[in-house]
Protein backbone atom coordinates (compact mmCIF):
# COMPACT_ATOMS: atom_id res chain seq x y z
CA MET A 1 -206.80 131.99 5.02
CA GLU A 2 -208.03 132.25 1.46
CA PRO A 3 -206.75 135.13 -0.70
CA LEU A 4 -208.92 138.20 -1.20
CA GLY A 5 -210.76 138.55 -4.48
CA ALA A 6 -210.66 141.81 -6.40
CA THR A 7 -214.02 143.03 -5.05
CA ASP A 8 -213.12 142.31 -1.43
CA ALA A 9 -209.63 143.77 -1.84
CA ASN A 10 -211.11 147.03 -3.11
CA ALA A 11 -213.61 147.04 -0.24
CA VAL A 12 -210.79 146.58 2.29
CA LEU A 13 -208.82 149.43 0.72
CA GLY A 14 -211.89 151.66 0.86
CA ALA A 15 -212.41 150.82 4.53
CA ALA A 16 -208.74 151.46 5.26
CA ASP A 17 -209.01 154.88 3.62
CA ARG A 18 -211.97 155.78 5.82
CA LEU A 19 -210.22 154.58 8.97
CA ALA A 20 -207.11 156.61 8.14
CA SER A 21 -208.93 159.82 7.17
CA ALA A 22 -207.83 163.17 8.61
CA THR A 23 -210.96 163.17 10.74
CA PRO A 24 -211.14 159.52 11.79
CA PRO A 25 -214.51 157.90 12.49
CA ASP A 26 -215.37 157.20 16.10
CA PHE A 27 -215.56 153.63 17.37
CA ALA A 28 -219.28 153.33 16.65
CA ASP A 29 -218.71 154.36 13.04
CA ALA A 30 -215.80 151.92 12.79
CA CYS A 31 -218.15 149.18 13.99
CA SER A 32 -220.71 150.17 11.36
CA LEU A 33 -217.98 150.05 8.72
CA LEU A 34 -217.11 146.48 9.68
CA GLY A 35 -220.78 145.53 9.52
CA GLU A 36 -220.93 146.83 5.95
CA LEU A 37 -218.03 144.59 4.93
CA ILE A 38 -219.05 141.46 6.81
CA PRO A 39 -222.78 140.72 7.25
CA CYS A 40 -223.63 140.17 10.92
CA THR A 41 -226.20 140.89 13.63
CA SER A 42 -224.07 143.30 15.62
CA VAL A 43 -220.52 144.64 15.98
CA SER A 44 -218.84 145.82 19.16
CA PHE A 45 -215.61 147.55 20.10
CA ASN A 46 -214.36 146.34 23.47
CA ASP A 47 -211.74 147.68 25.89
CA MET A 48 -211.39 145.41 28.91
CA ALA A 49 -209.02 145.93 31.83
CA LEU A 50 -209.15 142.41 33.23
CA ALA A 51 -207.40 143.13 36.53
CA SER A 52 -209.90 145.79 37.57
CA GLY A 53 -212.96 144.28 35.88
CA ASP A 54 -213.49 147.51 33.96
CA PHE A 55 -215.14 146.38 30.71
CA ARG A 56 -216.13 149.14 28.31
CA TYR A 57 -217.75 148.74 24.93
CA VAL A 58 -219.46 150.40 22.00
CA ILE A 59 -222.02 148.34 20.09
CA VAL A 60 -223.99 148.84 16.88
CA PRO A 61 -226.75 148.87 15.89
CA ASP A 62 -228.18 151.08 18.62
CA THR A 63 -231.01 148.59 19.11
CA SER A 64 -228.50 146.18 20.66
CA GLU A 65 -227.40 148.65 23.34
CA ALA A 66 -230.30 148.07 25.74
CA THR A 67 -229.83 144.30 25.58
CA ALA A 68 -226.07 144.62 26.05
CA ARG A 69 -226.55 146.85 29.08
CA ARG A 70 -229.10 144.47 30.62
CA LEU A 71 -226.93 141.39 30.13
CA LYS A 72 -223.55 142.99 30.93
CA PRO A 73 -223.54 141.81 34.59
CA ALA A 74 -223.69 138.21 33.32
CA TYR A 75 -220.81 138.88 30.93
CA ASP A 76 -218.76 140.44 33.72
CA ARG A 77 -219.42 137.40 35.91
CA TYR A 78 -218.57 134.71 33.36
CA PHE A 79 -216.15 136.38 30.93
CA HIS A 80 -213.36 134.04 32.09
CA GLN A 81 -215.21 131.25 30.23
CA HIS A 82 -214.80 133.05 26.90
CA PRO A 83 -212.53 130.84 24.76
CA LEU A 84 -211.37 133.72 22.58
CA ILE A 85 -210.40 135.93 25.53
CA ALA A 86 -208.47 133.01 27.00
CA ARG A 87 -206.67 132.57 23.67
CA ALA A 88 -205.94 136.30 23.44
CA ARG A 89 -204.30 136.28 26.86
CA GLU A 90 -202.22 133.20 26.15
CA GLU A 91 -201.26 133.89 22.55
CA PRO A 92 -201.93 137.40 21.20
CA GLY A 93 -202.17 137.52 17.43
CA ALA A 94 -203.29 139.66 14.52
CA ARG A 95 -205.61 137.10 12.88
CA ALA A 96 -209.36 137.16 13.27
CA LEU A 97 -210.65 134.18 15.26
CA ARG A 98 -213.99 132.38 15.53
CA PHE A 99 -215.13 130.07 18.31
CA CYS A 100 -214.39 127.12 16.03
CA ASP A 101 -210.78 128.26 15.52
CA VAL A 102 -209.60 127.64 19.09
CA PRO A 103 -209.38 124.41 21.12
CA GLY A 104 -212.61 123.93 23.03
CA GLY A 105 -214.27 126.83 21.28
CA ASP A 106 -217.22 124.77 20.07
CA ALA A 107 -218.00 123.91 23.71
CA VAL A 108 -218.84 127.54 24.45
CA ILE A 109 -222.53 126.64 24.18
CA ASP A 110 -222.15 124.54 27.35
CA THR A 111 -220.85 127.44 29.46
CA ASP A 112 -222.69 129.78 31.81
CA LEU A 113 -221.38 132.63 29.65
CA TYR A 114 -223.35 131.30 26.70
CA LYS A 115 -226.46 130.42 28.71
CA HIS A 116 -226.69 133.75 30.53
CA PHE A 117 -225.25 136.15 27.95
CA TYR A 118 -224.93 134.95 24.38
CA GLU A 119 -228.10 132.85 24.15
CA PRO A 120 -230.39 135.57 25.62
CA PHE A 121 -228.65 138.02 23.27
CA GLY A 122 -229.44 135.80 20.30
CA ILE A 123 -225.75 135.29 19.50
CA ARG A 124 -224.50 131.87 18.40
CA TYR A 125 -221.40 132.72 16.37
CA GLN A 126 -218.70 135.27 17.03
CA MET A 127 -215.52 136.44 15.29
CA VAL A 128 -213.04 138.69 17.07
CA LEU A 129 -209.93 140.65 16.16
CA GLN A 130 -207.59 141.58 18.99
CA LEU A 131 -205.64 144.85 18.86
CA PRO A 132 -202.31 145.51 20.64
CA ALA A 133 -202.82 146.39 24.31
CA PRO A 134 -200.94 146.43 27.62
CA PRO A 135 -200.74 143.21 29.69
CA ASP A 136 -204.06 142.16 31.24
CA VAL A 137 -205.94 144.48 28.89
CA VAL A 138 -207.92 143.09 25.95
CA VAL A 139 -208.88 145.52 23.18
CA GLY A 140 -210.59 144.52 19.98
CA TYR A 141 -213.65 144.19 17.81
CA ALA A 142 -216.26 141.43 17.87
CA LEU A 143 -218.73 140.53 15.12
CA ASN A 144 -221.80 138.52 16.11
CA ARG A 145 -224.27 136.29 14.29
CA SER A 146 -227.39 134.39 15.24
CA GLU A 147 -227.96 130.67 14.71
CA SER A 148 -229.95 131.33 11.53
CA GLU A 149 -227.20 133.50 10.02
CA GLY A 150 -224.64 130.72 10.27
CA GLU A 151 -220.91 130.63 10.91
CA PHE A 152 -218.50 133.24 9.59
CA SER A 153 -216.77 132.04 6.42
CA GLU A 154 -213.08 131.88 5.57
CA ARG A 155 -213.71 134.91 3.37
CA ASP A 156 -215.00 136.79 6.42
CA VAL A 157 -211.90 135.81 8.42
CA THR A 158 -209.63 137.02 5.60
CA VAL A 159 -211.41 140.37 5.21
CA PHE A 160 -211.43 141.04 8.96
CA SER A 161 -207.77 140.03 9.33
CA ALA A 162 -206.76 142.26 6.42
CA LEU A 163 -207.99 145.27 8.39
CA ALA A 164 -205.96 144.48 11.54
CA ALA A 165 -203.21 147.04 10.94
CA TYR A 166 -205.66 149.77 9.94
CA LEU A 167 -207.91 149.15 12.96
CA THR A 168 -204.85 149.22 15.21
CA LEU A 169 -203.72 152.56 13.79
CA HIS A 170 -207.26 153.95 13.99
CA HIS A 171 -207.53 152.91 17.65
CA ARG A 172 -204.26 154.65 18.50
CA VAL A 173 -205.18 157.85 16.62
CA VAL A 174 -208.66 158.12 18.16
CA LYS A 175 -207.31 157.41 21.63
CA ASP A 176 -204.48 159.92 21.26
CA LEU A 177 -206.85 162.60 19.98
CA ALA A 178 -209.19 162.10 22.93
CA GLN A 179 -206.30 162.21 25.37
CA ALA A 180 -204.80 165.30 23.75
CA GLN A 181 -208.13 167.10 23.93
CA ALA A 182 -208.57 166.16 27.57
CA MET A 183 -205.01 167.17 28.42
CA ALA A 184 -205.43 170.52 26.65
CA ALA A 185 -208.68 171.23 28.47
CA GLU A 186 -207.25 170.34 31.86
CA ALA A 187 -204.02 172.23 31.21
CA GLU A 188 -206.04 175.44 31.25
CA ARG A 189 -206.21 175.02 35.01
CA ASP A 190 -203.19 177.14 36.06
CA GLY A 191 -200.70 175.27 38.19
CA TRP A 192 -202.24 171.81 37.66
CA PHE A 193 -200.53 168.68 36.39
CA VAL A 194 -202.60 166.27 34.30
CA VAL A 195 -202.33 162.51 34.76
CA MET A 196 -204.37 160.09 32.63
CA ALA A 197 -204.62 156.57 34.02
CA ARG A 198 -206.54 153.39 33.30
CA SER A 199 -208.93 151.99 35.89
CA ASP A 200 -206.23 149.54 36.99
CA GLY A 201 -204.02 152.49 37.94
CA ALA A 202 -201.54 152.34 35.05
CA ILE A 203 -200.45 155.84 34.00
CA GLU A 204 -200.76 156.33 30.24
CA HIS A 205 -200.02 160.08 29.98
CA SER A 206 -198.67 162.51 32.54
CA SER A 207 -197.54 166.12 32.41
CA ALA A 208 -195.84 165.51 35.77
CA THR A 209 -193.41 162.84 34.53
CA ALA A 210 -190.38 165.11 34.86
CA VAL A 211 -191.54 166.51 38.19
CA HIS A 212 -192.52 163.54 40.32
CA ARG A 213 -191.46 159.93 39.77
CA GLU A 214 -194.63 158.59 41.41
CA LEU A 215 -196.69 160.25 38.67
CA ALA A 216 -194.47 159.25 35.75
CA GLU A 217 -195.84 157.61 32.60
CA GLY A 218 -195.62 153.83 32.65
CA GLY A 219 -195.95 153.56 36.42
CA LEU A 220 -198.94 153.17 38.73
CA VAL A 221 -200.74 156.01 40.44
CA PRO A 222 -200.25 156.28 44.23
CA PRO A 223 -202.75 154.30 46.37
CA ASP A 224 -204.69 157.42 47.39
CA VAL A 225 -205.26 158.28 43.73
CA ALA A 226 -206.02 154.68 42.73
CA ALA A 227 -208.88 154.64 45.23
CA LEU A 228 -210.52 157.51 43.33
CA LEU A 229 -210.48 155.94 39.87
CA SER A 230 -213.89 155.16 38.46
CA VAL A 231 -214.68 151.62 37.37
CA GLY A 232 -216.98 150.84 34.47
CA GLY A 233 -217.31 154.42 33.33
CA THR A 234 -219.20 155.57 36.43
CA ALA A 235 -217.75 159.08 36.56
CA THR A 236 -220.27 161.66 37.73
CA GLY A 237 -219.38 164.20 35.05
CA ARG A 238 -218.51 166.89 37.61
CA ALA A 239 -215.08 167.68 39.05
CA GLU A 240 -214.49 166.40 42.57
CA HIS A 241 -211.60 167.62 44.76
CA HIS A 242 -209.65 165.31 47.06
CA ASP A 243 -206.53 165.57 49.21
CA VAL A 244 -204.16 162.71 48.35
CA LEU A 245 -200.70 161.58 49.40
CA VAL A 246 -198.10 161.43 46.60
CA GLY A 247 -194.88 160.12 48.05
CA GLU A 248 -194.47 162.12 51.25
CA GLU A 249 -196.30 165.17 49.92
CA ARG A 250 -199.95 166.13 50.24
CA TRP A 251 -201.49 167.06 46.86
CA ARG A 252 -204.89 168.32 45.78
CA CYS A 253 -206.42 165.97 43.21
CA VAL A 254 -209.34 166.73 40.90
CA VAL A 255 -211.09 163.72 39.34
């Protein structure tokens, strides 16, 4: 990667300051911030649990949302053809990558993923930055450009890569804040334990860790609970009560 010039270095420091502010920007604002630093058609934040097929995203500008929603089924069907996701699973790293940076990346235009998702979306070039995540989960940002905008430059790669640590910290802070708020709200229910799990069943936070080993952080929720987890953000928005088996005990579960 080429070294940052003074102007770009100052821009990166300014972005880092915004990402690390006491009231951190949400993921949409973080995407907008990246778009200010690196010219592109659109920017997305992606959180993909590969095992469960639960792919969540935030994309800016807002005008891209309708297209993304319409084409998402094609992405879900052919995501395994994405050369950068394949690279992320095989060799996680902190450097920004373009299609042209990975073996076979230039052949993406011959895939069904390109024909049914990227081409209809008007995307020809992409640059991604992967953030630390559990196994079989891919989290990161993607910057997109059309054919007419051209490939991302080495300068773009350097600027994006320079923000890796700050974007990682921002992701953790925003996620922790959201979880803390949810835990605090749920804790108001007297006598309830709160367990926060991914769609693949992995328990990320649990107030029942010291009480029941089957609900401990780092493990998987019991099968009865796993069957209740929403996939793709399809929660109804209202609390639903269920009787579930945790070990040999019958528990009441609110999702």
